N, C-alpha and C. Protein backbone atom coordinates (compact mmCIF):
# COMPACT_ATOMS: atom_id res chain seq x y z
N UNK A 1 65.33 112.43 58.58
CA UNK A 1 66.60 111.52 59.45
C UNK A 1 67.78 112.46 59.72
N UNK A 2 68.12 113.55 59.21
CA UNK A 2 69.07 114.55 59.49
C UNK A 2 69.20 115.41 61.07
N UNK A 3 67.72 115.86 61.43
CA UNK A 3 67.54 115.95 62.87
C UNK A 3 68.14 115.34 63.62
N UNK A 4 67.44 113.88 63.71
CA UNK A 4 67.89 112.85 64.49
C UNK A 4 69.48 112.68 64.71
N UNK A 5 70.24 112.66 63.38
CA UNK A 5 71.95 112.56 62.96
C UNK A 5 72.36 113.82 64.04
N UNK A 6 71.45 114.96 63.73
CA UNK A 6 71.91 115.85 64.55
C UNK A 6 72.37 115.62 66.02
N UNK A 7 70.79 115.28 66.66
CA UNK A 7 70.54 115.11 68.00
C UNK A 7 71.48 114.24 68.63
N UNK A 8 71.74 112.94 67.85
CA UNK A 8 73.14 111.53 67.98
C UNK A 8 74.49 112.62 68.21
N UNK A 9 74.58 113.14 67.32
CA UNK A 9 76.14 113.92 67.35
C UNK A 9 76.27 114.95 68.37
N UNK A 10 74.99 115.56 68.61
CA UNK A 10 75.47 116.23 69.68
C UNK A 10 75.37 115.56 71.22
N UNK A 11 74.33 114.92 71.27
CA UNK A 11 74.75 113.92 72.51
C UNK A 11 75.84 112.99 72.63
N UNK A 12 76.49 112.35 71.58
CA UNK A 12 77.47 111.45 71.74
C UNK A 12 78.47 112.50 71.89
N UNK A 13 78.59 113.62 71.43
CA UNK A 13 80.34 114.82 71.65
C UNK A 13 79.99 115.18 73.17
N UNK A 14 78.59 115.62 73.60
CA UNK A 14 78.55 115.85 74.75
C UNK A 14 78.97 114.96 75.83
N UNK A 15 78.88 113.51 75.82
CA UNK A 15 79.00 112.30 76.78
C UNK A 15 80.76 112.01 76.44
N UNK A 16 81.00 112.25 75.47
CA UNK A 16 82.63 112.36 75.31
C UNK A 16 83.47 113.43 76.09
N UNK A 17 83.28 114.63 76.11
CA UNK A 17 83.42 116.04 76.67
C UNK A 17 83.17 115.85 78.05
N UNK A 18 82.42 114.99 78.91
CA UNK A 18 81.75 114.81 80.19
C UNK A 18 83.25 113.22 80.93
N UNK A 19 83.31 113.23 80.00
CA UNK A 19 84.26 111.44 80.36
C UNK A 19 85.27 112.10 81.54
N UNK A 20 85.51 111.26 82.28
CA UNK A 20 86.17 111.35 83.74
C UNK A 20 87.25 111.55 83.30
N UNK A 21 88.05 111.30 82.00
CA UNK A 21 89.20 112.20 81.54
C UNK A 21 89.55 113.73 81.49
N UNK A 22 88.21 114.03 81.19
CA UNK A 22 87.77 115.93 80.97
C UNK A 22 87.26 116.47 82.12
N UNK A 23 87.16 116.05 82.93
CA UNK A 23 85.99 116.85 84.14
C UNK A 23 87.33 117.55 84.91
N UNK A 24 87.30 118.32 85.19
CA UNK A 24 87.70 119.33 86.18
C UNK A 24 87.61 119.69 87.92
N UNK A 25 88.32 119.72 88.46
CA UNK A 25 88.36 119.23 89.82
C UNK A 25 89.17 120.53 90.28
N UNK A 26 89.63 120.40 91.25
CA UNK A 26 90.44 120.98 92.27
C UNK A 26 91.52 119.99 92.68
N UNK A 27 92.44 120.24 93.03
CA UNK A 27 93.53 118.83 93.43
C UNK A 27 94.47 120.01 94.07
N UNK A 28 95.32 119.07 95.64
CA UNK A 28 95.81 119.68 96.92
C UNK A 28 97.11 119.15 95.92
N UNK A 29 98.29 120.14 95.97
CA UNK A 29 99.98 120.11 95.52
C UNK A 29 100.44 119.97 96.88
N UNK A 30 101.08 118.84 96.81
CA UNK A 30 101.98 118.27 98.37
C UNK A 30 103.40 118.22 97.60
N UNK A 31 104.31 118.57 99.01
CA UNK A 31 105.75 117.76 99.02
C UNK A 31 106.11 116.62 98.96
N UNK A 32 106.93 116.35 98.96
CA UNK A 32 108.12 114.99 98.67
C UNK A 32 107.66 114.37 100.01
N UNK A 33 107.28 115.30 101.10
CA UNK A 33 107.13 114.62 102.68
C UNK A 33 105.56 114.21 102.54
N UNK A 34 104.58 114.77 101.78
CA UNK A 34 102.77 114.50 102.14
C UNK A 34 102.29 116.25 102.52
N UNK A 35 103.29 117.08 102.53
CA UNK A 35 102.71 118.27 103.16
C UNK A 35 101.76 119.06 102.01
N UNK A 36 100.65 119.62 102.56
CA UNK A 36 99.96 120.69 101.25
C UNK A 36 100.35 121.85 101.13
N UNK A 37 100.94 121.97 100.09
CA UNK A 37 101.25 123.22 99.96
C UNK A 37 100.71 124.76 98.96
N UNK A 38 99.80 124.07 98.80
CA UNK A 38 98.96 124.66 97.46
C UNK A 38 97.99 123.85 96.42
N UNK A 39 97.19 124.84 95.72
CA UNK A 39 96.06 124.03 95.55
C UNK A 39 95.71 124.75 94.24
N UNK A 40 95.47 123.94 93.22
CA UNK A 40 95.18 124.04 91.70
C UNK A 40 93.88 123.70 91.49
N UNK A 41 93.27 124.42 90.84
CA UNK A 41 91.23 124.38 90.84
C UNK A 41 91.28 124.00 88.89
N UNK A 42 89.87 123.62 88.59
CA UNK A 42 89.30 123.87 87.55
C UNK A 42 90.38 122.91 86.44
N UNK A 43 91.17 122.08 86.86
CA UNK A 43 92.46 121.28 86.20
C UNK A 43 91.53 119.35 85.94
N UNK A 44 92.07 119.30 84.66
CA UNK A 44 91.32 117.31 84.62
C UNK A 44 92.34 116.75 85.28
N UNK A 45 92.33 115.40 85.12
CA UNK A 45 93.36 114.29 86.04
C UNK A 45 94.24 114.31 85.00
N UNK A 46 94.28 114.57 83.40
CA UNK A 46 95.17 114.55 82.32
C UNK A 46 96.03 115.79 82.27
N UNK A 47 95.37 116.69 82.55
CA UNK A 47 95.69 118.23 82.55
C UNK A 47 96.66 117.96 83.93
N UNK A 48 96.49 117.51 85.03
CA UNK A 48 97.72 117.44 86.29
C UNK A 48 98.39 116.42 85.97
N UNK A 49 98.26 115.42 85.13
CA UNK A 49 99.38 114.41 84.81
C UNK A 49 100.45 114.77 83.94
N UNK A 50 100.07 115.69 83.22
CA UNK A 50 100.95 116.48 82.31
C UNK A 50 102.15 117.46 82.87
N UNK A 51 100.93 117.91 84.33
CA UNK A 51 102.01 118.98 84.39
C UNK A 51 103.09 118.69 85.63
N UNK A 52 102.74 117.76 86.31
CA UNK A 52 103.91 117.04 87.06
C UNK A 52 103.36 115.30 86.69
N UNK A 53 105.23 115.21 86.58
CA UNK A 53 105.29 113.95 86.47
C UNK A 53 105.04 112.32 87.18
N UNK A 54 105.13 113.17 88.82
CA UNK A 54 105.12 112.18 89.65
C UNK A 54 103.41 112.29 89.83
N UNK A 55 102.62 111.52 89.96
CA UNK A 55 101.65 111.12 90.53
C UNK A 55 101.47 111.58 92.18
N UNK A 56 102.57 111.16 92.90
CA UNK A 56 102.48 111.65 94.30
C UNK A 56 102.50 113.26 94.78
N UNK A 57 102.62 113.80 93.31
CA UNK A 57 103.03 115.61 93.72
C UNK A 57 101.49 116.48 93.95
N UNK A 58 100.20 115.39 93.76
CA UNK A 58 99.49 115.69 94.01
C UNK A 58 97.76 115.02 94.53
N UNK A 59 96.67 115.25 94.56
CA UNK A 59 95.64 114.67 94.63
C UNK A 59 94.51 115.25 95.17
N UNK A 60 93.44 114.57 94.32
CA UNK A 60 92.36 115.60 94.22
C UNK A 60 91.64 115.79 95.26
N UNK A 61 91.32 116.96 95.38
CA UNK A 61 90.00 117.48 96.62
C UNK A 61 89.10 117.45 96.67
N UNK A 62 88.43 116.64 98.11
CA UNK A 62 87.09 116.20 97.56
C UNK A 62 86.29 116.82 98.73
N UNK A 63 85.28 117.56 99.08
CA UNK A 63 84.41 118.29 99.96
C UNK A 63 84.03 117.34 101.54
N UNK A 64 83.84 116.15 100.88
CA UNK A 64 83.40 115.11 102.04
C UNK A 64 84.75 114.54 102.91
N UNK A 65 85.09 114.98 104.52
CA UNK A 65 85.74 115.08 104.88
C UNK A 65 85.59 113.65 106.02
N UNK A 66 86.47 112.77 106.59
CA UNK A 66 85.83 112.13 107.57
C UNK A 66 86.92 111.97 108.80
N UNK A 67 86.94 110.69 109.65
CA UNK A 67 87.27 111.03 110.59
C UNK A 67 88.50 109.01 110.68
N UNK A 68 89.72 108.96 110.88
CA UNK A 68 90.22 107.51 110.33
C UNK A 68 91.05 107.26 111.54
N UNK A 69 91.45 106.17 111.47
CA UNK A 69 92.33 105.50 112.45
C UNK A 69 93.44 104.55 111.34
N UNK A 70 94.89 104.92 111.69
CA UNK A 70 95.67 104.36 110.39
C UNK A 70 96.76 103.97 111.03
N UNK A 71 97.43 103.21 110.95
CA UNK A 71 98.62 102.66 111.74
C UNK A 71 98.16 103.40 113.67
N UNK A 72 97.34 103.08 114.27
CA UNK A 72 97.45 103.68 115.44
C UNK A 72 97.06 105.30 115.85
N UNK A 73 97.20 105.83 114.57
CA UNK A 73 97.00 107.04 114.91
C UNK A 73 95.51 107.56 114.59
N UNK A 74 94.61 108.53 115.41
CA UNK A 74 93.87 109.13 114.77
C UNK A 74 93.87 110.35 113.87
N UNK A 75 93.21 110.25 112.41
CA UNK A 75 93.47 111.22 111.61
C UNK A 75 92.06 112.60 111.24
N UNK A 76 91.78 113.49 111.94
CA UNK A 76 90.60 113.91 111.38
C UNK A 76 90.54 114.71 110.20
N UNK A 77 89.30 115.28 109.73
CA UNK A 77 88.96 115.58 108.69
C UNK A 77 90.05 115.79 107.21
N UNK A 78 89.95 114.25 106.90
CA UNK A 78 90.56 113.78 105.72
C UNK A 78 89.75 112.91 104.73
N UNK A 79 89.84 113.70 103.55
CA UNK A 79 89.32 112.99 102.34
C UNK A 79 89.46 111.05 102.50
N UNK A 80 88.81 110.81 101.71
CA UNK A 80 89.56 109.47 101.02
C UNK A 80 90.36 109.40 99.84
N UNK A 81 90.68 110.52 99.02
CA UNK A 81 91.21 110.57 98.33
C UNK A 81 92.89 111.03 98.98
N UNK A 82 92.71 111.69 99.84
CA UNK A 82 93.88 112.02 100.77
C UNK A 82 94.85 110.85 101.36
N UNK A 83 93.63 110.03 101.97
CA UNK A 83 94.41 108.76 102.89
C UNK A 83 94.43 107.97 101.68
N UNK A 84 94.16 107.65 100.84
CA UNK A 84 94.07 106.42 99.25
C UNK A 84 95.82 107.21 98.89
N UNK A 85 96.05 108.66 98.70
CA UNK A 85 97.66 108.93 98.25
C UNK A 85 98.46 108.84 99.63
N UNK A 86 98.40 109.01 100.65
CA UNK A 86 98.97 108.39 101.85
C UNK A 86 99.35 107.02 101.59
N UNK A 87 98.49 106.17 101.80
CA UNK A 87 98.45 104.53 101.62
C UNK A 87 99.73 104.52 100.28
N UNK A 88 99.46 105.11 99.05
CA UNK A 88 99.64 104.64 98.25
C UNK A 88 101.03 105.41 97.93
N UNK A 89 101.61 106.85 98.29
CA UNK A 89 102.75 107.34 97.80
C UNK A 89 103.91 107.24 99.02
N UNK A 90 102.79 106.78 100.15
CA UNK A 90 104.42 106.48 101.61
C UNK A 90 103.28 105.50 102.39
N UNK A 91 103.52 104.46 101.42
CA UNK A 91 103.54 103.23 101.90
C UNK A 91 102.82 102.86 103.64
N UNK A 92 101.56 103.63 103.50
CA UNK A 92 101.01 103.32 104.43
C UNK A 92 99.89 102.17 104.83
N UNK A 93 99.75 102.30 105.64
CA UNK A 93 99.18 100.99 106.05
C UNK A 93 97.08 101.15 105.27
N UNK A 94 96.47 100.31 105.05
CA UNK A 94 95.21 100.45 105.20
C UNK A 94 94.59 101.63 106.29
N UNK A 95 93.14 102.44 105.95
CA UNK A 95 92.85 103.19 107.31
C UNK A 95 91.33 102.69 107.22
N UNK A 96 90.99 102.81 108.55
CA UNK A 96 89.59 103.08 108.85
C UNK A 96 88.43 103.69 109.12
N UNK A 97 87.67 103.95 108.72
CA UNK A 97 86.86 104.89 108.94
C UNK A 97 85.84 104.70 110.83
N UNK A 98 86.27 106.04 111.30
CA UNK A 98 85.73 106.02 112.35
C UNK A 98 84.93 107.19 112.92
N UNK A 99 83.83 107.13 113.56
CA UNK A 99 83.19 108.02 114.40
C UNK A 99 83.73 109.17 114.90
N UNK A 100 83.74 110.81 114.76
CA UNK A 100 84.49 111.15 115.16
C UNK A 100 84.25 112.11 116.57
N UNK A 101 83.03 111.70 116.98
CA UNK A 101 82.62 111.87 118.40
C UNK A 101 83.03 110.90 119.13
N UNK A 102 83.44 109.85 118.76
CA UNK A 102 83.29 108.30 119.28
C UNK A 102 85.03 108.47 119.50
N UNK A 103 85.57 109.85 120.25
CA UNK A 103 87.10 108.97 120.24
C UNK A 103 87.31 110.12 121.51
N UNK A 104 88.75 109.61 122.22
CA UNK A 104 89.13 110.21 123.55
C UNK A 104 90.85 110.31 123.12
N UNK A 105 91.25 111.39 123.50
CA UNK A 105 92.63 111.60 123.66
C UNK A 105 93.08 111.65 125.00
N UNK A 106 93.96 110.37 125.11
CA UNK A 106 94.70 110.29 127.10
C UNK A 106 95.73 109.79 126.69
N UNK A 107 96.35 110.39 128.37
CA UNK A 107 97.93 109.93 128.46
C UNK A 107 97.67 108.20 129.16
N UNK A 108 99.15 107.94 128.45
CA UNK A 108 99.07 106.54 129.58
C UNK A 108 100.50 106.29 129.55
N UNK A 109 100.36 105.38 130.57
CA UNK A 109 101.97 105.19 131.12
C UNK A 109 101.92 103.23 132.18
N UNK A 110 102.89 103.07 131.91
CA UNK A 110 102.87 101.83 132.71
C UNK A 110 103.43 101.70 133.92
N UNK A 111 102.67 101.53 135.27
CA UNK A 111 103.03 101.54 136.88
C UNK A 111 103.80 99.74 136.77
N UNK A 112 104.52 99.83 137.10
CA UNK A 112 105.72 98.66 137.81
C UNK A 112 105.73 98.38 138.84
N UNK A 113 105.32 97.32 139.53
CA UNK A 113 105.57 97.01 141.29
C UNK A 113 106.09 96.02 141.30
N UNK A 114 107.53 95.97 141.95
CA UNK A 114 108.11 94.76 142.33
C UNK A 114 107.55 94.59 144.20
N UNK A 115 106.74 93.61 143.84
CA UNK A 115 106.41 93.29 144.82
C UNK A 115 106.86 92.85 146.47
N UNK A 116 107.78 91.80 146.26
CA UNK A 116 108.93 91.85 147.38
C UNK A 116 109.43 92.92 148.43
N UNK A 117 109.74 93.98 147.34
CA UNK A 117 110.17 95.09 148.71
C UNK A 117 109.25 95.93 148.02
N UNK A 118 108.04 96.29 147.41
CA UNK A 118 107.11 97.52 147.02
C UNK A 118 107.61 98.61 146.43
N UNK A 119 109.07 98.01 145.67
CA UNK A 119 109.15 99.54 144.68
C UNK A 119 108.45 99.46 143.86
N UNK A 120 108.27 100.43 143.19
CA UNK A 120 107.60 101.19 141.97
C UNK A 120 108.38 102.18 141.43
N UNK A 121 107.98 101.67 139.49
CA UNK A 121 108.44 102.54 138.69
C UNK A 121 107.68 102.47 137.46
N UNK A 122 107.82 103.62 136.60
CA UNK A 122 106.83 104.27 135.73
C UNK A 122 107.46 104.49 134.49
N UNK A 123 107.20 104.03 133.26
CA UNK A 123 107.27 104.17 131.86
C UNK A 123 107.10 105.58 131.38
N UNK A 124 107.83 106.07 130.27
CA UNK A 124 107.59 107.55 129.79
C UNK A 124 106.09 107.77 129.44
N UNK A 125 105.57 108.73 129.58
CA UNK A 125 103.91 109.10 129.56
C UNK A 125 103.87 109.40 127.49
N UNK A 126 103.09 108.55 127.66
CA UNK A 126 102.96 108.61 125.98
C UNK A 126 101.16 109.29 125.96
N UNK A 127 100.82 110.15 124.73
CA UNK A 127 99.41 110.92 124.51
C UNK A 127 99.09 110.08 123.07
N UNK A 128 97.79 109.61 122.82
CA UNK A 128 97.44 108.86 121.99
C UNK A 128 95.63 109.20 122.14
N UNK A 129 95.29 109.33 120.87
CA UNK A 129 93.97 109.19 120.73
C UNK A 129 93.29 107.87 120.44
N UNK A 130 92.09 107.53 120.96
CA UNK A 130 91.70 105.84 120.78
C UNK A 130 90.23 106.34 120.65
N UNK A 131 89.87 105.50 119.85
CA UNK A 131 88.38 105.38 119.23
C UNK A 131 88.07 104.12 119.20
N UNK A 132 86.48 104.33 119.29
CA UNK A 132 85.82 102.79 119.19
C UNK A 132 86.18 101.50 120.09
N UNK A 133 86.59 100.47 119.62
CA UNK A 133 86.83 99.47 120.15
C UNK A 133 88.14 99.43 121.03
N UNK A 134 88.89 100.11 120.45
CA UNK A 134 89.71 100.61 121.40
C UNK A 134 89.51 101.42 122.58
N UNK A 135 88.51 102.29 122.53
CA UNK A 135 87.92 103.13 123.60
C UNK A 135 87.55 102.22 124.67
N UNK A 136 86.62 101.44 124.16
CA UNK A 136 85.57 100.89 125.10
C UNK A 136 86.22 100.05 125.91
N UNK A 137 87.68 99.59 125.28
CA UNK A 137 88.57 98.27 126.07
C UNK A 137 89.48 98.86 127.24
N UNK A 138 89.30 99.97 127.04
CA UNK A 138 89.68 100.86 128.63
C UNK A 138 88.21 100.91 129.73
N UNK A 139 88.47 100.17 130.66
CA UNK A 139 87.84 100.39 131.85
C UNK A 139 87.77 101.65 132.32
N UNK A 140 86.54 101.79 132.77
CA UNK A 140 85.69 102.89 133.69
C UNK A 140 87.09 103.36 134.97
N UNK A 141 87.55 102.61 135.62
CA UNK A 141 88.68 102.58 136.15
C UNK A 141 90.01 103.79 135.75
N UNK A 142 90.77 103.19 134.45
CA UNK A 142 90.97 103.55 133.50
C UNK A 142 92.56 102.82 133.76
N UNK A 143 92.36 101.73 134.19
CA UNK A 143 93.75 100.42 134.35
C UNK A 143 93.43 99.13 134.08
N UNK A 144 94.25 98.56 133.30
CA UNK A 144 94.59 97.86 132.47
C UNK A 144 95.28 96.76 133.47
N UNK A 145 94.82 95.59 133.69
CA UNK A 145 96.08 94.85 134.33
C UNK A 145 96.78 94.10 133.38
N UNK A 146 98.28 94.34 133.30
CA UNK A 146 99.09 93.59 132.12
C UNK A 146 99.40 92.50 132.64
N UNK A 147 100.15 92.54 133.59
CA UNK A 147 101.00 91.18 134.48
C UNK A 147 100.93 90.93 135.87
N UNK A 148 100.17 90.45 136.63
CA UNK A 148 99.91 89.90 138.00
C UNK A 148 100.44 88.35 138.38
N UNK A 149 101.60 88.50 138.78
CA UNK A 149 102.20 87.05 139.16
C UNK A 149 102.75 87.45 140.44
N UNK A 150 103.58 86.18 141.30
CA UNK A 150 103.94 86.52 142.59
C UNK A 150 104.65 87.30 142.86
N UNK A 151 105.93 88.11 142.27
CA UNK A 151 107.04 88.68 142.22
C UNK A 151 106.34 90.50 141.39
N UNK A 152 105.93 90.42 140.91
CA UNK A 152 105.48 91.70 139.79
C UNK A 152 104.07 91.67 139.64
N UNK A 153 103.73 93.42 139.42
CA UNK A 153 102.49 94.06 139.35
C UNK A 153 102.41 94.74 137.98
N UNK A 154 101.72 94.75 136.36
CA UNK A 154 102.20 95.81 135.75
C UNK A 154 100.76 96.19 135.22
N UNK A 155 100.34 97.51 135.37
CA UNK A 155 99.27 98.02 135.05
C UNK A 155 99.71 98.97 134.34
N UNK A 156 98.63 98.99 132.95
CA UNK A 156 98.77 100.36 132.14
C UNK A 156 97.46 101.37 132.69
N UNK A 157 98.29 102.52 133.12
CA UNK A 157 97.29 103.56 133.87
C UNK A 157 96.92 104.43 132.63
N UNK A 158 95.95 105.27 132.49
CA UNK A 158 95.05 106.24 131.59
C UNK A 158 94.58 107.14 132.34
N UNK A 159 94.95 108.43 131.94
CA UNK A 159 94.58 109.78 132.45
C UNK A 159 94.21 110.83 131.30
N UNK A 160 93.45 111.52 131.53
CA UNK A 160 92.51 112.58 130.84
C UNK A 160 93.46 113.85 130.82
N UNK A 161 93.97 113.87 132.03
CA UNK A 161 94.95 115.04 131.86
C UNK A 161 96.64 115.17 131.90
N UNK A 162 96.65 114.08 132.52
CA UNK A 162 98.09 113.49 132.64
C UNK A 162 98.73 113.62 133.89
N UNK A 163 97.68 114.08 134.70
CA UNK A 163 98.36 114.36 136.04
C UNK A 163 97.60 113.23 136.91
N UNK A 164 96.21 113.27 136.66
CA UNK A 164 95.26 112.46 137.62
C UNK A 164 95.81 111.03 137.27
N UNK A 165 96.11 109.93 137.85
CA UNK A 165 96.22 108.58 137.48
C UNK A 165 95.17 107.79 138.35
C-alpha cells in the first residue's frame, strides 16, 4: 500500500508543479506605447504579475507568427499573444489572420474629372497593403469607378510603383 501512496504523491506533486501558473515562458517587455524594448525568459505568469503591476507591460512570446489585418492595416510576423495584447491594452479592434503571400502593397489616389470643362484633379497618394478579398476586389486595370454622372467622374486608381497609373 505504501508504494502506491508514494507513487500517487509523486504524480500529484508533479501535476501541481506543472500547472499553468508555474510554467516558465519568455516574455516581451513593452513600453507605454506598445514598443518592445526587452525580453525576460524563464519566468512564470505569476512571477511576471508580481514584477510588473501593469499587465500591459508584457506579453508572452510565442514561436508561431502570422500575418494579420487589423483596422485596415497589414501586420506581418505577429503572434496571437501580441495581437491580443494590442487589442486589450490599446483598444485595437479584432484582427483577422491572413495569408502572408496573398497581399500586395499598392499606392492609390482619386482622380476627379469635372466633365463640362474636362478639368481633372487628384487627391493625395496613399500607400497601403491589400490582402484577401480587398485585393481581389481591385480589377486587373487597377481602377474602380466610384461615381459617374452627368457632370463628374471619380475613379480610384491603384499603382504598384506610385508612378504608373
